[in-house]
Each structure stands twice: as structure tokens, then as C-alpha cells.
N, C-alpha and C. Protein backbone atom coordinates (compact mmCIF):
# COMPACT_ATOMS: atom_id res chain seq x y z
N MET A 1 96.70 -39.28 128.12
CA MET A 1 97.67 -38.52 128.78
C MET A 1 97.49 -38.64 130.18
N LEU A 2 98.58 -38.71 130.99
CA LEU A 2 98.45 -38.88 132.48
C LEU A 2 98.40 -37.57 133.09
N SER A 3 97.65 -37.58 134.23
CA SER A 3 97.61 -36.29 134.99
C SER A 3 98.81 -36.13 135.72
N ALA A 4 98.99 -34.90 136.39
CA ALA A 4 100.35 -34.67 137.13
C ALA A 4 100.34 -35.66 138.37
N GLU A 5 99.17 -35.93 138.86
CA GLU A 5 99.08 -36.84 140.02
C GLU A 5 99.52 -38.31 139.68
N GLU A 6 98.99 -38.66 138.61
CA GLU A 6 99.34 -40.09 138.09
C GLU A 6 100.83 -40.17 137.62
N LEU A 7 101.39 -39.08 137.06
CA LEU A 7 102.77 -39.19 136.85
C LEU A 7 103.67 -39.23 138.01
N ASN A 8 103.19 -38.53 139.06
CA ASN A 8 103.93 -38.33 140.29
C ASN A 8 103.82 -39.75 141.05
N ALA A 9 102.75 -40.53 140.83
CA ALA A 9 102.56 -41.71 141.50
C ALA A 9 103.39 -42.94 140.82
N LEU A 10 104.00 -42.65 139.73
CA LEU A 10 104.84 -43.64 139.14
C LEU A 10 106.20 -43.84 140.10
N PRO A 11 106.65 -45.12 140.12
CA PRO A 11 107.82 -45.34 141.20
C PRO A 11 109.16 -45.06 140.23
N TYR A 12 109.16 -44.50 139.11
CA TYR A 12 110.32 -44.28 138.24
C TYR A 12 110.22 -43.02 137.52
N GLY A 13 111.34 -42.36 137.01
CA GLY A 13 111.28 -41.20 136.44
C GLY A 13 110.45 -41.23 135.10
N ALA A 14 109.74 -40.11 134.87
CA ALA A 14 108.98 -39.86 133.64
C ALA A 14 109.06 -38.51 133.24
N ILE A 15 109.51 -38.27 131.90
CA ILE A 15 109.57 -37.05 131.31
C ILE A 15 108.91 -37.05 130.14
N GLU A 16 108.05 -36.12 129.76
CA GLU A 16 107.38 -35.92 128.44
C GLU A 16 108.09 -34.87 127.74
N LEU A 17 108.62 -35.24 126.52
CA LEU A 17 109.33 -34.33 125.77
C LEU A 17 108.62 -34.11 124.36
N ASP A 18 108.73 -32.79 123.79
CA ASP A 18 108.13 -32.71 122.52
C ASP A 18 109.38 -32.94 121.44
N ALA A 19 109.02 -32.89 120.19
CA ALA A 19 110.03 -33.26 119.22
C ALA A 19 111.29 -32.41 119.21
N ALA A 20 111.26 -31.21 119.73
CA ALA A 20 112.42 -30.37 119.83
C ALA A 20 113.19 -30.68 121.11
N GLY A 21 112.60 -31.53 122.07
CA GLY A 21 113.33 -31.77 123.45
C GLY A 21 112.86 -30.95 124.41
N LEU A 22 111.83 -30.12 124.26
CA LEU A 22 111.36 -29.28 125.27
C LEU A 22 110.50 -30.18 126.31
N ILE A 23 110.68 -29.94 127.65
CA ILE A 23 110.15 -30.59 128.61
C ILE A 23 108.64 -30.06 128.81
N LEU A 24 107.69 -31.11 128.70
CA LEU A 24 106.29 -30.79 128.88
C LEU A 24 105.84 -31.22 130.24
N SER A 25 106.45 -32.37 130.76
CA SER A 25 106.03 -32.77 132.14
C SER A 25 107.35 -33.45 132.63
N TYR A 26 107.43 -33.58 134.02
CA TYR A 26 108.74 -34.09 134.58
C TYR A 26 108.09 -34.54 136.06
N ASN A 27 108.23 -35.78 136.36
CA ASN A 27 107.56 -36.12 137.69
C ASN A 27 108.50 -36.06 138.69
N GLN A 28 108.00 -36.30 139.91
CA GLN A 28 108.82 -36.12 141.26
C GLN A 28 109.87 -37.21 141.22
N ALA A 29 109.68 -38.49 140.90
CA ALA A 29 110.61 -39.57 140.94
C ALA A 29 111.88 -39.16 140.10
N GLU A 30 111.68 -38.51 139.01
CA GLU A 30 112.89 -38.22 138.05
C GLU A 30 113.52 -36.94 138.90
N GLY A 31 112.77 -36.12 139.32
CA GLY A 31 113.37 -34.86 140.14
C GLY A 31 114.30 -35.41 141.25
N ALA A 32 113.81 -36.43 141.95
CA ALA A 32 114.68 -36.99 142.97
C ALA A 32 115.85 -37.78 142.46
N LEU A 33 115.79 -38.40 141.41
CA LEU A 33 116.93 -39.09 140.82
C LEU A 33 117.98 -38.09 140.26
N ALA A 34 117.47 -37.17 139.66
CA ALA A 34 118.46 -36.11 138.96
C ALA A 34 118.74 -35.00 139.98
N GLY A 35 118.06 -34.83 141.06
CA GLY A 35 118.28 -33.69 142.07
C GLY A 35 117.88 -32.39 141.61
N LEU A 36 116.64 -32.45 140.70
CA LEU A 36 116.17 -31.22 140.17
C LEU A 36 114.75 -30.99 140.60
N ASP A 37 114.32 -29.74 140.70
CA ASP A 37 112.97 -29.46 141.12
C ASP A 37 112.13 -29.57 139.83
N PRO A 38 111.21 -30.51 139.72
CA PRO A 38 110.33 -30.60 138.54
C PRO A 38 109.65 -29.30 137.93
N ALA A 39 109.42 -28.41 138.81
CA ALA A 39 108.69 -27.09 138.43
C ALA A 39 109.71 -26.21 137.75
N ARG A 40 111.02 -26.51 138.17
CA ARG A 40 111.83 -25.53 137.35
C ARG A 40 112.50 -25.91 136.06
N VAL A 41 112.17 -27.22 135.65
CA VAL A 41 112.56 -27.75 134.37
C VAL A 41 111.60 -27.72 133.20
N ILE A 42 110.31 -27.45 133.62
CA ILE A 42 109.23 -27.35 132.56
C ILE A 42 109.53 -26.30 131.62
N GLY A 43 109.49 -26.63 130.27
CA GLY A 43 109.66 -25.69 129.24
C GLY A 43 111.19 -25.54 128.72
N LYS A 44 112.00 -26.14 129.49
CA LYS A 44 113.48 -26.19 129.04
C LYS A 44 113.84 -27.29 128.25
N ASN A 45 114.86 -27.16 127.45
CA ASN A 45 115.28 -28.09 126.55
C ASN A 45 116.06 -29.29 127.31
N PHE A 46 115.47 -30.46 127.40
CA PHE A 46 116.07 -31.64 128.11
C PHE A 46 117.52 -31.90 127.57
N PHE A 47 117.86 -31.88 126.35
CA PHE A 47 118.97 -32.39 125.85
C PHE A 47 120.09 -31.13 125.83
N LYS A 48 119.76 -29.98 125.93
CA LYS A 48 120.67 -28.85 125.89
C LYS A 48 120.81 -28.16 127.27
N GLN A 49 119.84 -28.01 128.11
CA GLN A 49 119.84 -27.15 129.35
C GLN A 49 119.69 -28.20 130.56
N ILE A 50 119.16 -29.18 130.47
CA ILE A 50 118.89 -30.06 131.69
C ILE A 50 119.80 -31.28 131.81
N ALA A 51 120.04 -32.02 130.79
CA ALA A 51 120.78 -33.28 130.75
C ALA A 51 121.69 -33.18 129.48
N PRO A 52 122.61 -32.34 129.32
CA PRO A 52 123.51 -32.24 128.19
C PRO A 52 124.24 -33.45 127.94
N CYS A 53 124.44 -34.30 128.94
CA CYS A 53 125.12 -35.51 128.72
C CYS A 53 124.26 -36.55 127.81
N THR A 54 122.97 -36.18 127.61
CA THR A 54 122.10 -37.05 126.86
C THR A 54 122.09 -36.55 125.32
N ASP A 55 122.83 -35.47 125.14
CA ASP A 55 122.91 -34.89 123.70
C ASP A 55 123.92 -35.65 122.85
N VAL A 56 123.70 -36.90 122.94
CA VAL A 56 124.65 -37.87 122.04
C VAL A 56 123.72 -38.73 121.25
N GLN A 57 124.44 -39.48 120.20
CA GLN A 57 123.73 -40.26 119.39
C GLN A 57 122.97 -41.38 120.16
N SER A 58 123.67 -41.93 121.25
CA SER A 58 123.01 -43.15 122.01
C SER A 58 121.79 -42.74 122.79
N PHE A 59 121.51 -41.35 122.88
CA PHE A 59 120.28 -41.06 123.57
C PHE A 59 119.47 -40.13 122.69
N HIS A 60 119.95 -38.91 122.39
CA HIS A 60 119.26 -37.98 121.58
C HIS A 60 118.99 -38.52 120.15
N GLY A 61 119.90 -39.14 119.61
CA GLY A 61 119.78 -39.73 118.30
C GLY A 61 118.71 -40.81 118.30
N GLN A 62 118.72 -41.63 119.38
CA GLN A 62 117.66 -42.58 119.44
C GLN A 62 116.33 -42.05 119.71
N PHE A 63 116.23 -40.93 120.49
CA PHE A 63 114.92 -40.38 120.62
C PHE A 63 114.36 -39.78 119.27
N ASN A 64 115.22 -39.11 118.47
CA ASN A 64 114.80 -38.61 117.29
C ASN A 64 114.45 -39.71 116.25
N LYS A 65 115.23 -40.66 116.21
CA LYS A 65 114.81 -41.90 115.33
C LYS A 65 113.58 -42.52 115.81
N PHE A 66 113.40 -42.60 117.04
CA PHE A 66 112.10 -43.24 117.53
C PHE A 66 110.98 -42.42 117.17
N LEU A 67 110.98 -40.98 117.29
CA LEU A 67 109.91 -40.17 116.78
C LEU A 67 109.61 -40.31 115.29
N GLN A 68 110.55 -40.67 114.56
CA GLN A 68 110.36 -40.65 113.19
C GLN A 68 109.79 -42.30 112.71
N SER A 69 109.91 -43.08 113.64
CA SER A 69 109.50 -44.38 113.34
C SER A 69 108.13 -44.71 113.67
N SER A 70 107.59 -45.91 113.33
CA SER A 70 106.22 -46.20 113.67
C SER A 70 106.10 -47.07 115.10
N ALA A 71 107.27 -47.17 115.68
CA ALA A 71 107.32 -47.99 116.96
C ALA A 71 106.38 -47.24 117.97
N GLY A 72 105.81 -48.04 118.80
CA GLY A 72 105.09 -47.43 119.86
C GLY A 72 105.93 -47.34 121.18
N MET A 73 106.95 -48.16 121.21
CA MET A 73 107.78 -48.30 122.45
C MET A 73 109.21 -48.80 122.01
N GLU A 74 110.24 -48.29 122.73
CA GLU A 74 111.50 -48.79 122.46
C GLU A 74 112.36 -48.59 123.78
N SER A 75 113.21 -49.51 123.99
CA SER A 75 114.01 -49.49 125.33
C SER A 75 115.53 -49.55 124.94
N PHE A 76 116.30 -48.87 125.81
CA PHE A 76 117.78 -48.99 125.74
C PHE A 76 118.43 -48.54 127.04
N LYS A 77 119.63 -48.94 127.27
CA LYS A 77 120.35 -48.75 128.52
C LYS A 77 121.12 -47.38 128.24
N PHE A 78 121.36 -46.76 129.38
CA PHE A 78 122.22 -45.49 129.32
C PHE A 78 122.80 -45.20 130.67
N LYS A 79 123.95 -44.48 130.75
CA LYS A 79 124.66 -44.20 132.06
C LYS A 79 124.63 -42.64 132.13
N PHE A 80 123.96 -42.19 133.18
CA PHE A 80 124.04 -40.72 133.53
C PHE A 80 125.26 -40.42 134.35
N PRO A 81 126.16 -39.67 133.89
CA PRO A 81 127.39 -39.31 134.71
C PRO A 81 127.16 -38.08 135.59
N PHE A 82 126.45 -38.29 136.55
CA PHE A 82 126.15 -37.18 137.59
C PHE A 82 127.54 -36.90 138.27
N PRO A 83 127.71 -35.71 138.74
CA PRO A 83 128.96 -35.11 139.31
C PRO A 83 129.48 -36.06 140.51
N ASP A 84 128.52 -36.57 141.30
CA ASP A 84 129.02 -37.43 142.37
C ASP A 84 128.79 -38.96 142.26
N ARG A 85 128.14 -39.34 141.06
CA ARG A 85 128.03 -40.80 140.90
C ARG A 85 127.60 -41.05 139.49
N LEU A 86 127.79 -42.33 138.95
CA LEU A 86 127.42 -42.74 137.65
C LEU A 86 126.20 -43.56 137.92
N VAL A 87 125.02 -43.25 137.26
CA VAL A 87 123.86 -43.89 137.47
C VAL A 87 123.38 -44.75 136.19
N LYS A 88 123.35 -46.06 136.26
CA LYS A 88 122.88 -46.84 135.13
C LYS A 88 121.37 -46.90 135.07
N VAL A 89 120.79 -46.69 133.97
CA VAL A 89 119.40 -46.53 133.79
C VAL A 89 118.89 -47.36 132.63
N ASN A 90 117.62 -47.89 132.75
CA ASN A 90 116.92 -48.42 131.54
C ASN A 90 115.99 -47.25 131.12
N ILE A 91 116.16 -46.96 129.83
CA ILE A 91 115.32 -45.88 129.19
C ILE A 91 114.20 -46.44 128.41
N THR A 92 113.03 -46.20 128.54
CA THR A 92 111.86 -46.66 127.81
C THR A 92 111.19 -45.41 127.09
N LEU A 93 111.16 -45.38 125.78
CA LEU A 93 110.56 -44.36 125.06
C LEU A 93 109.13 -44.84 124.80
N ILE A 94 108.23 -44.02 125.03
CA ILE A 94 106.69 -44.44 124.65
C ILE A 94 106.03 -43.25 123.79
N SER A 95 105.63 -43.52 122.70
CA SER A 95 105.08 -42.56 121.82
C SER A 95 103.69 -42.17 122.27
N THR A 96 103.41 -40.94 122.17
CA THR A 96 102.14 -40.40 122.40
C THR A 96 101.45 -39.94 121.16
N ASP A 97 102.14 -39.35 120.30
CA ASP A 97 101.53 -38.86 118.95
C ASP A 97 102.44 -38.51 117.96
N ARG A 98 103.68 -39.14 117.95
CA ARG A 98 104.68 -38.70 117.01
C ARG A 98 105.37 -37.23 117.06
N MET A 99 104.76 -36.54 117.88
CA MET A 99 105.23 -35.12 118.13
C MET A 99 105.69 -35.07 119.58
N THR A 100 105.35 -35.95 120.39
CA THR A 100 105.82 -36.02 121.79
C THR A 100 106.05 -37.57 122.17
N ALA A 101 106.79 -37.67 123.25
CA ALA A 101 107.08 -39.03 123.71
C ALA A 101 107.41 -38.97 125.22
N PHE A 102 107.05 -39.99 125.84
CA PHE A 102 107.38 -40.11 127.32
C PHE A 102 108.80 -40.87 127.40
N VAL A 103 109.64 -40.28 128.24
CA VAL A 103 110.87 -40.97 128.51
C VAL A 103 110.77 -41.52 129.89
N LEU A 104 110.72 -42.81 130.00
CA LEU A 104 110.71 -43.37 131.33
C LEU A 104 112.06 -43.90 131.74
N ILE A 105 112.45 -43.49 133.02
CA ILE A 105 113.88 -43.74 133.36
C ILE A 105 113.94 -44.49 134.68
N GLN A 106 114.42 -45.67 134.67
CA GLN A 106 114.49 -46.59 135.74
C GLN A 106 115.90 -46.97 136.09
N ALA A 107 116.40 -46.48 137.26
CA ALA A 107 117.82 -46.81 137.71
C ALA A 107 117.94 -48.33 138.03
N PHE A 108 119.11 -48.93 137.81
CA PHE A 108 119.42 -50.29 138.19
C PHE A 108 120.81 -50.37 138.70
N THR A 109 121.25 -51.44 139.29
CA THR A 109 122.50 -51.63 139.82
C THR A 109 123.25 -52.71 138.91
């Protein structure tokens, strides 16, 4: 498990979610990308409260399928429809223990 300092040193977004979608950790790079204060999102449901645009098969469904699989890592592309812009991202899911996973988010053009 990475410390808060190590997570915040990453140059891309990193969110740790439990199987229910609750946010366990949320780094500063993701806060800057999403325009959210990381301290205010901890404990909230990512799919329902923070990023409801991800509560679709192509993201939430992929996340659930990933947790049920034996894969250690999986990647896919997604588009975040922010109110003022569309952000294309690469999503990488990394398993920690089948009950939690890191969601790494890297924007691209």
C-alpha cells in the first residue's frame, strides 16, 4: 500500500476504491484534474456521489468485472464529460486484494 505522500507524488490521478465504490484514498493529481478537494471525497461513493458519469457499464461494470477476475491489472479508455470540457483518459485498474483496487487516471489528447 502506498502512503499519502507516495500517492501525491504520482504525476497522474490515483483513487483507491473498495468493492462498493467507496473512496479510500484520492491523490492531489486527481483532485486537480477533477477540480475536487481530495479531503472532501474520502468515504464517498465514487460512482454515485463523485463521478456519476462513471456509473455505466463501460466503467463501473468494468470495475466490478475486474474485482471478480483474477487479473492483476486491466486498462481501458474513458471520456469524462466535465461541464466545461471533455477529458479523454486512460484508466488502469490495479488489484490490491480483490476487495479494493486502485484506479489510475491519465489524461491524453
